[in-house]
Amino acid sequence: MMALPTRDIVLIADDFALSEGVSAGITRLARAQRITGTSALVTLPRWNTDGAILAELRDVIAIGLHMNLTLGLPLGNMPSLAPEGRLPDVGTLVRRSVLGRLDRDEIAEEIVRQLRLFEAVVGHKPDFIDGHQHVHALPGVRDALIATVLQYYRSEPVRPLIRVPGDDPRALLRRPGARGKAMLLTLLSGGFARALAAAGLPANASFAGVTAFGDSEEEVRHDLEVAALEARGGLHLVMCHPGVPDAELAAHDPVTTRRGAELAVLSRDNPLTDRLRLVVRATPGGMIDWREEGAVSG
């Protein structure tokens, strides 16, 4: 008898509600069960339109918050991080993080605002949390996030999965593309997995999806093959960025053509198809118990 494939890959589509085309592409993949979940930006105007779609998709995929501290406007007053009302670019945020110049209380208040807006529209708390440009894992930001999550989910029987965007340096050395970017991300998120474990919050065991954003479908397939090879047991989280390119997307993000190529490849059988994990809710409408899905937990 032929052995069934191991469904060990959790594929998360980032940036829901970034643009109409991105939301439409992710929705198409979700309904076809081609992804495990999606994480949503709630700070852009489109959230008020597209957020309700996630309430419908919640029965078939995991729904998470794509925490944002670098794009557009914050939901509330942030005199330290956004003194003129606009969030800083990621380079500025990283520098302030490394230098220890972040107001953790101010960041915690913004995280709460984003969590509350997510819940107000979807009707449920996020199943998982990650960050736009991975800012949630930065020193200073991570401390605010962990404290906020523990308080916000205190009455829930399970906790949300928190993405660890770094990986084992030995695995990164074997990665053929975007190695420098992945190494920097691993360096900046150093110690994050230990902090989550100490707080008892579930996290992925390994991570992939950092690429050079090549625009062709051939490059996308190759990147997915590499991501699949890097699974080493436990919950292997792979991020992706599918969508339909449009003018709204181009106004927010330089990665456009690549999103269309990812959407095309993920819509067909691809290197992750037979290993894609579709998560299960223990109770109808309830949250996902990520410990049952192979997450690392303290």
C-alpha atoms as a PDB file:
ATOM      1  CA  MET A   1       0.000   0.000   0.000  1.00  0.00           C
ATOM      2  CA  MET A   2       1.346   3.430  -0.929  1.00  0.00           C
ATOM      3  CA  ALA A   3       2.049   5.657   2.076  1.00  0.00           C
ATOM      4  CA  LEU A   4      -0.019   8.815   2.311  1.00  0.00           C
ATOM      5  CA  PRO A   5       1.966  12.079   2.025  1.00  0.00           C
ATOM      6  CA  THR A   6       2.897  13.828   5.252  1.00  0.00           C
ATOM      7  CA  ARG A   7       0.862  17.020   5.486  1.00  0.00           C
ATOM      8  CA  ASP A   8       3.417  18.999   7.431  1.00  0.00           C
ATOM      9  CA  ILE A   9       3.434  22.389   5.704  1.00  0.00           C
ATOM     10  CA  VAL A  10       1.371  25.344   6.920  1.00  0.00           C
ATOM     11  CA  LEU A  11       1.138  27.789   4.008  1.00  0.00           C
ATOM     12  CA  ILE A  12       0.143  31.324   4.999  1.00  0.00           C
ATOM     13  CA  ALA A  13      -0.746  34.016   2.458  1.00  0.00           C
ATOM     14  CA  ASP A  14       0.314  37.409   3.809  1.00  0.00           C
ATOM     15  CA  ASP A  15      -1.202  40.846   3.174  1.00  0.00           C
ATOM     16  CA  PHE A  16      -4.962  40.238   2.941  1.00  0.00           C
ATOM     17  CA  ALA A  17      -6.662  43.663   2.581  1.00  0.00           C
ATOM     18  CA  LEU A  18      -3.525  45.280   1.159  1.00  0.00           C
ATOM     19  CA  SER A  19      -5.426  45.812  -2.095  1.00  0.00           C
ATOM     20  CA  GLU A  20      -8.550  44.598  -3.855  1.00  0.00           C
ATOM     21  CA  GLY A  21      -6.493  42.293  -6.060  1.00  0.00           C
ATOM     22  CA  VAL A  22      -4.551  40.773  -3.182  1.00  0.00           C
ATOM     23  CA  SER A  23      -7.735  40.058  -1.230  1.00  0.00           C
ATOM     24  CA  ALA A  24      -9.409  38.591  -4.323  1.00  0.00           C
ATOM     25  CA  GLY A  25      -6.479  36.304  -5.097  1.00  0.00           C
ATOM     26  CA  ILE A  26      -6.186  35.039  -1.536  1.00  0.00           C
ATOM     27  CA  THR A  27      -9.942  34.492  -1.342  1.00  0.00           C
ATOM     28  CA  ARG A  28      -9.796  32.366  -4.485  1.00  0.00           C
ATOM     29  CA  LEU A  29      -7.017  30.194  -3.037  1.00  0.00           C
ATOM     30  CA  ALA A  30      -8.797  29.883   0.309  1.00  0.00           C
ATOM     31  CA  ARG A  31     -12.039  28.663  -1.221  1.00  0.00           C
ATOM     32  CA  ALA A  32     -10.095  26.117  -3.275  1.00  0.00           C
ATOM     33  CA  GLN A  33      -8.223  25.048  -0.087  1.00  0.00           C
ATOM     34  CA  ARG A  34      -4.862  25.842  -1.654  1.00  0.00           C
ATOM     35  CA  ILE A  35      -3.567  27.638   1.447  1.00  0.00           C
ATOM     36  CA  THR A  36      -3.675  26.927   5.175  1.00  0.00           C
ATOM     37  CA  GLY A  37      -4.471  30.469   6.190  1.00  0.00           C
ATOM     38  CA  THR A  38      -4.087  34.177   5.579  1.00  0.00           C
ATOM     39  CA  SER A  39      -3.000  37.132   7.696  1.00  0.00           C
ATOM     40  CA  ALA A  40      -4.758  40.469   7.294  1.00  0.00           C
ATOM     41  CA  LEU A  41      -3.784  44.110   7.517  1.00  0.00           C
ATOM     42  CA  VAL A  42      -6.428  46.021   9.459  1.00  0.00           C
ATOM     43  CA  THR A  43      -4.874  49.490   9.294  1.00  0.00           C
ATOM     44  CA  LEU A  44      -5.669  50.314   5.657  1.00  0.00           C
ATOM     45  CA  PRO A  45      -9.081  51.604   4.488  1.00  0.00           C
ATOM     46  CA  ARG A  46      -9.731  48.405   2.530  1.00  0.00           C
ATOM     47  CA  TRP A  47     -10.108  46.432   5.745  1.00  0.00           C
ATOM     48  CA  ASN A  48     -13.570  47.928   6.228  1.00  0.00           C
ATOM     49  CA  THR A  49     -14.603  46.401   2.894  1.00  0.00           C
ATOM     50  CA  ASP A  50     -12.656  43.146   2.758  1.00  0.00           C
ATOM     51  CA  GLY A  51     -12.592  42.171   6.417  1.00  0.00           C
ATOM     52  CA  ALA A  52     -16.082  40.696   6.302  1.00  0.00           C
ATOM     53  CA  ILE A  53     -14.875  38.167   3.711  1.00  0.00           C
ATOM     54  CA  LEU A  54     -12.624  36.611   6.344  1.00  0.00           C
ATOM     55  CA  ALA A  55     -15.590  35.856   8.574  1.00  0.00           C
ATOM     56  CA  GLU A  56     -16.912  33.658   5.753  1.00  0.00           C
ATOM     57  CA  LEU A  57     -13.525  32.051   5.052  1.00  0.00           C
ATOM     58  CA  ARG A  58     -12.906  31.198   8.695  1.00  0.00           C
ATOM     59  CA  ASP A  59     -14.630  27.830   8.317  1.00  0.00           C
ATOM     60  CA  VAL A  60     -12.068  26.652   5.750  1.00  0.00           C
ATOM     61  CA  ILE A  61      -8.784  28.373   6.651  1.00  0.00           C
ATOM     62  CA  ALA A  62      -6.947  29.903   9.602  1.00  0.00           C
ATOM     63  CA  ILE A  63      -7.352  33.671   9.920  1.00  0.00           C
ATOM     64  CA  GLY A  64      -4.625  35.828  11.428  1.00  0.00           C
ATOM     65  CA  LEU A  65      -3.559  39.409  12.115  1.00  0.00           C
ATOM     66  CA  HIS A  66      -0.767  40.861   9.966  1.00  0.00           C
ATOM     67  CA  MET A  67       0.405  43.364  12.569  1.00  0.00           C
ATOM     68  CA  ASN A  68       1.515  46.620  10.972  1.00  0.00           C
ATOM     69  CA  LEU A  69       3.932  49.267  12.218  1.00  0.00           C
ATOM     70  CA  THR A  70       5.490  50.395   8.916  1.00  0.00           C
ATOM     71  CA  LEU A  71       2.771  51.077   6.331  1.00  0.00           C
ATOM     72  CA  GLY A  72       0.421  54.030   6.217  1.00  0.00           C
ATOM     73  CA  LEU A  73      -1.221  55.342   9.365  1.00  0.00           C
ATOM     74  CA  PRO A  74      -1.558  53.830  12.833  1.00  0.00           C
ATOM     75  CA  LEU A  75      -5.040  53.299  14.221  1.00  0.00           C
ATOM     76  CA  GLY A  76      -4.366  55.660  17.102  1.00  0.00           C
ATOM     77  CA  ASN A  77      -2.025  58.349  18.361  1.00  0.00           C
ATOM     78  CA  MET A  78       1.653  57.280  18.449  1.00  0.00           C
ATOM     79  CA  PRO A  79       3.666  60.420  19.282  1.00  0.00           C
ATOM     80  CA  SER A  80       6.952  58.525  19.610  1.00  0.00           C
ATOM     81  CA  LEU A  81       6.834  56.151  16.634  1.00  0.00           C
ATOM     82  CA  ALA A  82       4.647  58.259  14.334  1.00  0.00           C
ATOM     83  CA  PRO A  83       4.924  61.885  15.529  1.00  0.00           C
ATOM     84  CA  GLU A  84       3.483  63.245  12.270  1.00  0.00           C
ATOM     85  CA  GLY A  85       0.768  60.618  12.115  1.00  0.00           C
ATOM     86  CA  ARG A  86       2.480  58.311   9.604  1.00  0.00           C
ATOM     87  CA  LEU A  87       4.259  55.066  10.466  1.00  0.00           C
ATOM     88  CA  PRO A  88       8.021  54.889   9.771  1.00  0.00           C
ATOM     89  CA  ASP A  89       9.620  52.802   7.048  1.00  0.00           C
ATOM     90  CA  VAL A  90      10.993  49.432   8.098  1.00  0.00           C
ATOM     91  CA  GLY A  91      14.616  50.613   8.086  1.00  0.00           C
ATOM     92  CA  THR A  92      13.852  53.342  10.604  1.00  0.00           C
ATOM     93  CA  LEU A  93      11.928  50.922  12.809  1.00  0.00           C
ATOM     94  CA  VAL A  94      14.764  48.387  12.752  1.00  0.00           C
ATOM     95  CA  ARG A  95      17.327  51.029  13.719  1.00  0.00           C
ATOM     96  CA  ARG A  96      15.212  52.224  16.628  1.00  0.00           C
ATOM     97  CA  SER A  97      14.676  48.633  17.714  1.00  0.00           C
ATOM     98  CA  VAL A  98      18.383  47.808  17.682  1.00  0.00           C
ATOM     99  CA  LEU A  99      19.195  51.008  19.574  1.00  0.00           C
ATOM    100  CA  GLY A 100      16.499  50.343  22.180  1.00  0.00           C
ATOM    101  CA  ARG A 101      14.546  53.478  21.270  1.00  0.00           C
ATOM    102  CA  LEU A 102      11.035  52.065  21.049  1.00  0.00           C
ATOM    103  CA  ASP A 103       8.211  52.993  23.403  1.00  0.00           C
ATOM    104  CA  ARG A 104       6.864  49.544  24.293  1.00  0.00           C
ATOM    105  CA  ASP A 105       3.736  50.851  25.986  1.00  0.00           C
ATOM    106  CA  GLU A 106       2.850  52.908  22.925  1.00  0.00           C
ATOM    107  CA  ILE A 107       3.393  49.900  20.650  1.00  0.00           C
ATOM    108  CA  ALA A 108       1.342  47.664  22.951  1.00  0.00           C
ATOM    109  CA  GLU A 109      -1.563  50.119  22.751  1.00  0.00           C
ATOM    110  CA  GLU A 110      -1.449  50.025  18.943  1.00  0.00           C
ATOM    111  CA  ILE A 111      -1.356  46.222  18.931  1.00  0.00           C
ATOM    112  CA  VAL A 112      -4.478  46.187  21.105  1.00  0.00           C
ATOM    113  CA  ARG A 113      -6.212  48.577  18.705  1.00  0.00           C
ATOM    114  CA  GLN A 114      -5.398  46.316  15.770  1.00  0.00           C
ATOM    115  CA  LEU A 115      -6.552  43.201  17.626  1.00  0.00           C
ATOM    116  CA  ARG A 116      -9.826  44.872  18.609  1.00  0.00           C
ATOM    117  CA  LEU A 117     -10.537  46.071  15.077  1.00  0.00           C
ATOM    118  CA  PHE A 118      -9.821  42.595  13.714  1.00  0.00           C
ATOM    119  CA  GLU A 119     -12.211  41.034  16.215  1.00  0.00           C
ATOM    120  CA  ALA A 120     -14.884  43.676  15.637  1.00  0.00           C
ATOM    121  CA  VAL A 121     -15.016  42.891  11.909  1.00  0.00           C
ATOM    122  CA  VAL A 122     -14.362  39.130  11.873  1.00  0.00           C
ATOM    123  CA  GLY A 123     -16.277  38.357  15.052  1.00  0.00           C
ATOM    124  CA  HIS A 124     -13.413  36.313  16.493  1.00  0.00           C
ATOM    125  CA  LYS A 125      -9.897  36.847  17.757  1.00  0.00           C
ATOM    126  CA  PRO A 126      -7.066  36.024  15.322  1.00  0.00           C
ATOM    127  CA  ASP A 127      -5.979  32.380  15.091  1.00  0.00           C
ATOM    128  CA  PHE A 128      -2.390  33.519  14.668  1.00  0.00           C
ATOM    129  CA  ILE A 129      -0.312  36.686  14.559  1.00  0.00           C
ATOM    130  CA  ASP A 130       2.562  37.712  12.332  1.00  0.00           C
ATOM    131  CA  GLY A 131       3.851  41.080  11.175  1.00  0.00           C
ATOM    132  CA  HIS A 132       4.080  43.151   8.029  1.00  0.00           C
ATOM    133  CA  GLN A 133       7.782  43.070   7.130  1.00  0.00           C
ATOM    134  CA  HIS A 134       8.182  40.812  10.189  1.00  0.00           C
ATOM    135  CA  VAL A 135       8.243  43.759  12.593  1.00  0.00           C
ATOM    136  CA  HIS A 136       6.492  41.749  15.320  1.00  0.00           C
ATOM    137  CA  ALA A 137       9.731  39.817  15.953  1.00  0.00           C
ATOM    138  CA  LEU A 138      11.964  42.852  16.509  1.00  0.00           C
ATOM    139  CA  PRO A 139      13.434  43.532  19.959  1.00  0.00           C
ATOM    140  CA  GLY A 140      11.169  45.934  21.785  1.00  0.00           C
ATOM    141  CA  VAL A 141       8.200  45.122  19.588  1.00  0.00           C
ATOM    142  CA  ARG A 142       8.211  41.442  20.559  1.00  0.00           C
ATOM    143  CA  ASP A 143       8.063  42.272  24.262  1.00  0.00           C
ATOM    144  CA  ALA A 144       5.008  44.451  23.714  1.00  0.00           C
ATOM    145  CA  LEU A 145       3.420  41.750  21.566  1.00  0.00           C
ATOM    146  CA  ILE A 146       3.927  38.922  24.050  1.00  0.00           C
ATOM    147  CA  ALA A 147       2.572  40.926  26.980  1.00  0.00           C
ATOM    148  CA  THR A 148      -0.412  42.071  24.923  1.00  0.00           C
ATOM    149  CA  VAL A 149      -1.276  38.592  23.649  1.00  0.00           C
ATOM    150  CA  LEU A 150      -1.154  37.067  27.124  1.00  0.00           C
ATOM    151  CA  GLN A 151      -3.573  39.713  28.369  1.00  0.00           C
ATOM    152  CA  TYR A 152      -5.866  39.802  25.328  1.00  0.00           C
ATOM    153  CA  TYR A 153      -6.297  36.023  25.176  1.00  0.00           C
ATOM    154  CA  ARG A 154      -6.420  35.444  28.930  1.00  0.00           C
ATOM    155  CA  SER A 155      -9.984  34.082  28.822  1.00  0.00           C
ATOM    156  CA  GLU A 156      -9.428  31.834  25.781  1.00  0.00           C
ATOM    157  CA  PRO A 157      -8.747  28.095  26.214  1.00  0.00           C
ATOM    158  CA  VAL A 158      -5.953  28.213  23.616  1.00  0.00           C
ATOM    159  CA  ARG A 159      -3.426  30.784  22.452  1.00  0.00           C
ATOM    160  CA  PRO A 160      -2.708  32.106  18.945  1.00  0.00           C
ATOM    161  CA  LEU A 161       0.262  30.866  16.963  1.00  0.00           C
ATOM    162  CA  ILE A 162       3.008  33.495  16.742  1.00  0.00           C
ATOM    163  CA  ARG A 163       5.213  33.365  13.664  1.00  0.00           C
ATOM    164  CA  VAL A 164       8.955  33.046  14.225  1.00  0.00           C
ATOM    165  CA  PRO A 165      10.435  34.388  10.962  1.00  0.00           C
ATOM    166  CA  GLY A 166      13.967  33.156  11.602  1.00  0.00           C
ATOM    167  CA  ASP A 167      15.399  29.702  11.080  1.00  0.00           C
ATOM    168  CA  ASP A 168      18.355  27.503  11.907  1.00  0.00           C
ATOM    169  CA  PRO A 169      21.477  29.138  10.383  1.00  0.00           C
ATOM    170  CA  ARG A 170      22.604  25.721   9.143  1.00  0.00           C
ATOM    171  CA  ALA A 171      19.415  25.452   7.107  1.00  0.00           C
ATOM    172  CA  LEU A 172      19.939  28.945   5.712  1.00  0.00           C
ATOM    173  CA  LEU A 173      23.419  28.060   4.496  1.00  0.00           C
ATOM    174  CA  ARG A 174      21.863  25.369   2.322  1.00  0.00           C
ATOM    175  CA  ARG A 175      19.350  27.811   0.857  1.00  0.00           C
ATOM    176  CA  PRO A 176      20.275  28.785  -2.720  1.00  0.00           C
ATOM    177  CA  GLY A 177      18.512  32.154  -2.946  1.00  0.00           C
ATOM    178  CA  ALA A 178      17.861  35.241  -0.794  1.00  0.00           C
ATOM    179  CA  ARG A 179      20.307  33.854   1.758  1.00  0.00           C
ATOM    180  CA  GLY A 180      21.465  37.267   2.955  1.00  0.00           C
ATOM    181  CA  LYS A 181      17.924  38.509   3.544  1.00  0.00           C
ATOM    182  CA  ALA A 182      17.011  35.337   5.412  1.00  0.00           C
ATOM    183  CA  MET A 183      20.162  35.556   7.536  1.00  0.00           C
ATOM    184  CA  LEU A 184      19.426  39.165   8.498  1.00  0.00           C
ATOM    185  CA  LEU A 185      15.873  38.258   9.428  1.00  0.00           C
ATOM    186  CA  THR A 186      17.124  35.378  11.559  1.00  0.00           C
ATOM    187  CA  LEU A 187      19.615  37.684  13.278  1.00  0.00           C
ATOM    188  CA  LEU A 188      17.000  40.350  14.042  1.00  0.00           C
ATOM    189  CA  SER A 189      14.562  37.763  15.402  1.00  0.00           C
ATOM    190  CA  GLY A 190      17.194  35.994  17.506  1.00  0.00           C
ATOM    191  CA  GLY A 191      15.822  34.918  20.883  1.00  0.00           C
ATOM    192  CA  PHE A 192      12.203  35.330  19.797  1.00  0.00           C
ATOM    193  CA  ALA A 193      11.426  31.604  19.827  1.00  0.00           C
ATOM    194  CA  ARG A 194      12.836  31.285  23.349  1.00  0.00           C
ATOM    195  CA  ALA A 195      10.785  34.248  24.543  1.00  0.00           C
ATOM    196  CA  LEU A 196       7.597  32.735  23.126  1.00  0.00           C
ATOM    197  CA  ALA A 197       8.341  29.378  24.709  1.00  0.00           C
ATOM    198  CA  ALA A 198       8.960  31.036  28.071  1.00  0.00           C
ATOM    199  CA  ALA A 199       5.573  32.758  27.773  1.00  0.00           C
ATOM    200  CA  GLY A 200       3.833  29.513  26.812  1.00  0.00           C
ATOM    201  CA  LEU A 201       2.848  30.785  23.371  1.00  0.00           C
ATOM    202  CA  PRO A 202       2.816  28.375  20.397  1.00  0.00           C
ATOM    203  CA  ALA A 203       5.176  28.990  17.492  1.00  0.00           C
ATOM    204  CA  ASN A 204       6.293  27.350  14.272  1.00  0.00           C
ATOM    205  CA  ALA A 205       9.204  24.910  14.468  1.00  0.00           C
ATOM    206  CA  SER A 206      10.749  26.092  11.188  1.00  0.00           C
ATOM    207  CA  PHE A 207      10.160  28.796   8.600  1.00  0.00           C
ATOM    208  CA  ALA A 208      10.545  29.358   4.863  1.00  0.00           C
ATOM    209  CA  GLY A 209       9.326  31.711   2.183  1.00  0.00           C
ATOM    210  CA  VAL A 210      11.977  34.429   2.145  1.00  0.00           C
ATOM    211  CA  THR A 211      12.768  34.817  -1.558  1.00  0.00           C
ATOM    212  CA  ALA A 212      14.290  37.227  -4.054  1.00  0.00           C
ATOM    213  CA  PHE A 213      10.750  37.844  -5.403  1.00  0.00           C
ATOM    214  CA  GLY A 214      11.543  36.589  -8.905  1.00  0.00           C
ATOM    215  CA  ASP A 215       8.652  37.397 -11.220  1.00  0.00           C
ATOM    216  CA  SER A 216       8.340  34.220 -13.303  1.00  0.00           C
ATOM    217  CA  GLU A 217       6.188  31.189 -12.540  1.00  0.00           C
ATOM    218  CA  GLU A 218       9.278  29.028 -12.930  1.00  0.00           C
ATOM    219  CA  GLU A 219      11.012  30.965 -10.151  1.00  0.00           C
ATOM    220  CA  VAL A 220       7.948  30.645  -7.936  1.00  0.00           C
ATOM    221  CA  ARG A 221       7.844  26.863  -8.400  1.00  0.00           C
ATOM    222  CA  HIS A 222      11.542  26.658  -7.575  1.00  0.00           C
ATOM    223  CA  ASP A 223      11.050  28.727  -4.417  1.00  0.00           C
ATOM    224  CA  LEU A 224       8.225  26.408  -3.325  1.00  0.00           C
ATOM    225  CA  GLU A 225      10.417  23.364  -3.935  1.00  0.00           C
ATOM    226  CA  VAL A 226      13.107  24.872  -1.707  1.00  0.00           C
ATOM    227  CA  ALA A 227      10.522  25.706   0.971  1.00  0.00           C
ATOM    228  CA  ALA A 228       9.249  22.126   0.963  1.00  0.00           C
ATOM    229  CA  LEU A 229      12.740  20.690   1.320  1.00  0.00           C
ATOM    230  CA  GLU A 230      13.370  22.780   4.440  1.00  0.00           C
ATOM    231  CA  ALA A 231      10.638  21.103   6.510  1.00  0.00           C
ATOM    232  CA  ARG A 232      12.357  19.230   9.330  1.00  0.00           C
ATOM    233  CA  GLY A 233       9.467  17.984  11.446  1.00  0.00           C
ATOM    234  CA  GLY A 234       6.981  19.875  13.570  1.00  0.00           C
ATOM    235  CA  LEU A 235       5.025  22.816  12.225  1.00  0.00           C
ATOM    236  CA  HIS A 236       6.824  24.138   9.130  1.00  0.00           C
ATOM    237  CA  LEU A 237       5.428  27.551   8.239  1.00  0.00           C
ATOM    238  CA  VAL A 238       5.828  28.832   4.690  1.00  0.00           C
ATOM    239  CA  MET A 239       4.758  32.368   3.843  1.00  0.00           C
ATOM    240  CA  CYS A 240       3.590  33.428   0.400  1.00  0.00           C
ATOM    241  CA  HIS A 241       2.323  36.612  -1.257  1.00  0.00           C
ATOM    242  CA  PRO A 242      -0.277  35.786  -3.926  1.00  0.00           C
ATOM    243  CA  GLY A 243      -2.643  38.297  -5.470  1.00  0.00           C
ATOM    244  CA  VAL A 244      -3.941  39.986  -8.582  1.00  0.00           C
ATOM    245  CA  PRO A 245      -1.673  42.954  -9.400  1.00  0.00           C
ATOM    246  CA  ASP A 246      -3.512  46.261  -9.626  1.00  0.00           C
ATOM    247  CA  ALA A 247      -2.891  49.982  -9.260  1.00  0.00           C
ATOM    248  CA  GLU A 248      -3.935  49.948  -5.615  1.00  0.00           C
ATOM    249  CA  LEU A 249      -1.286  47.339  -4.854  1.00  0.00           C
ATOM    250  CA  ALA A 250       1.397  49.272  -6.751  1.00  0.00           C
ATOM    251  CA  ALA A 251       0.645  52.327  -4.613  1.00  0.00           C
ATOM    252  CA  HIS A 252       1.435  50.388  -1.441  1.00  0.00           C
ATOM    253  CA  ASP A 253       4.090  47.836  -2.357  1.00  0.00           C
ATOM    254  CA  PRO A 254       6.804  47.278  -5.002  1.00  0.00           C
ATOM    255  CA  VAL A 255       6.108  43.528  -5.215  1.00  0.00           C
ATOM    256  CA  THR A 256       3.408  43.278  -7.883  1.00  0.00           C
ATOM    257  CA  THR A 257       4.144  40.928 -10.800  1.00  0.00           C
ATOM    258  CA  ARG A 258       5.459  38.276  -8.420  1.00  0.00           C
ATOM    259  CA  ARG A 259       2.081  38.144  -6.678  1.00  0.00           C
ATOM    260  CA  GLY A 260       0.340  37.255  -9.911  1.00  0.00           C
ATOM    261  CA  ALA A 261       2.879  34.512 -10.596  1.00  0.00           C
ATOM    262  CA  GLU A 262       2.382  33.080  -7.098  1.00  0.00           C
ATOM    263  CA  LEU A 263      -1.381  33.103  -7.551  1.00  0.00           C
ATOM    264  CA  ALA A 264      -1.075  31.217 -10.836  1.00  0.00           C
ATOM    265  CA  VAL A 265       1.292  28.571  -9.444  1.00  0.00           C
ATOM    266  CA  LEU A 266      -0.626  28.050  -6.203  1.00  0.00           C
ATOM    267  CA  SER A 267      -3.896  27.698  -8.119  1.00  0.00           C
ATOM    268  CA  ARG A 268      -2.526  24.529  -9.736  1.00  0.00           C
ATOM    269  CA  ASP A 269      -0.816  21.463  -8.308  1.00  0.00           C
ATOM    270  CA  ASN A 270       2.581  22.592  -7.051  1.00  0.00           C
ATOM    271  CA  PRO A 271       5.466  21.349  -4.858  1.00  0.00           C
ATOM    272  CA  LEU A 272       3.426  21.987  -1.680  1.00  0.00           C
ATOM    273  CA  THR A 273       0.076  20.515  -2.775  1.00  0.00           C
ATOM    274  CA  ASP A 274       0.455  17.014  -1.351  1.00  0.00           C
ATOM    275  CA  ARG A 275       1.972  18.281   1.896  1.00  0.00           C
ATOM    276  CA  LEU A 276      -0.386  21.174   2.612  1.00  0.00           C
ATOM    277  CA  ARG A 277      -1.883  21.019   6.096  1.00  0.00           C
ATOM    278  CA  LEU A 278      -5.487  22.137   6.473  1.00  0.00           C
ATOM    279  CA  VAL A 279      -6.079  23.014  10.104  1.00  0.00           C
ATOM    280  CA  VAL A 280      -9.102  21.866  12.074  1.00  0.00           C
ATOM    281  CA  ARG A 281     -11.101  23.749  14.686  1.00  0.00           C
ATOM    282  CA  ALA A 282     -11.755  21.654  17.782  1.00  0.00           C
ATOM    283  CA  THR A 283     -15.236  23.161  18.081  1.00  0.00           C
ATOM    284  CA  PRO A 284     -17.363  24.912  15.422  1.00  0.00           C
ATOM    285  CA  GLY A 285     -16.384  28.563  15.394  1.00  0.00           C
ATOM    286  CA  GLY A 286     -13.686  27.995  18.012  1.00  0.00           C
ATOM    287  CA  MET A 287     -10.009  28.803  17.829  1.00  0.00           C
ATOM    288  CA  ILE A 288      -7.386  26.429  16.470  1.00  0.00           C
ATOM    289  CA  ASP A 289      -5.340  24.497  19.015  1.00  0.00           C
ATOM    290  CA  TRP A 290      -1.922  24.858  17.431  1.00  0.00           C
ATOM    291  CA  ARG A 291      -0.375  22.344  19.804  1.00  0.00           C
ATOM    292  CA  GLU A 292      -2.454  19.727  18.018  1.00  0.00           C
ATOM    293  CA  GLU A 293      -1.053  21.010  14.722  1.00  0.00           C
ATOM    294  CA  GLY A 294       2.562  20.402  15.723  1.00  0.00           C
ATOM    295  CA  ALA A 295       3.475  23.852  17.022  1.00  0.00           C
ATOM    296  CA  VAL A 296       6.339  24.387  19.447  1.00  0.00           C
ATOM    297  CA  SER A 297       4.950  25.500  22.795  1.00  0.00           C
ATOM    298  CA  GLY A 298       6.370  26.404  26.148  1.00  0.00           C
END
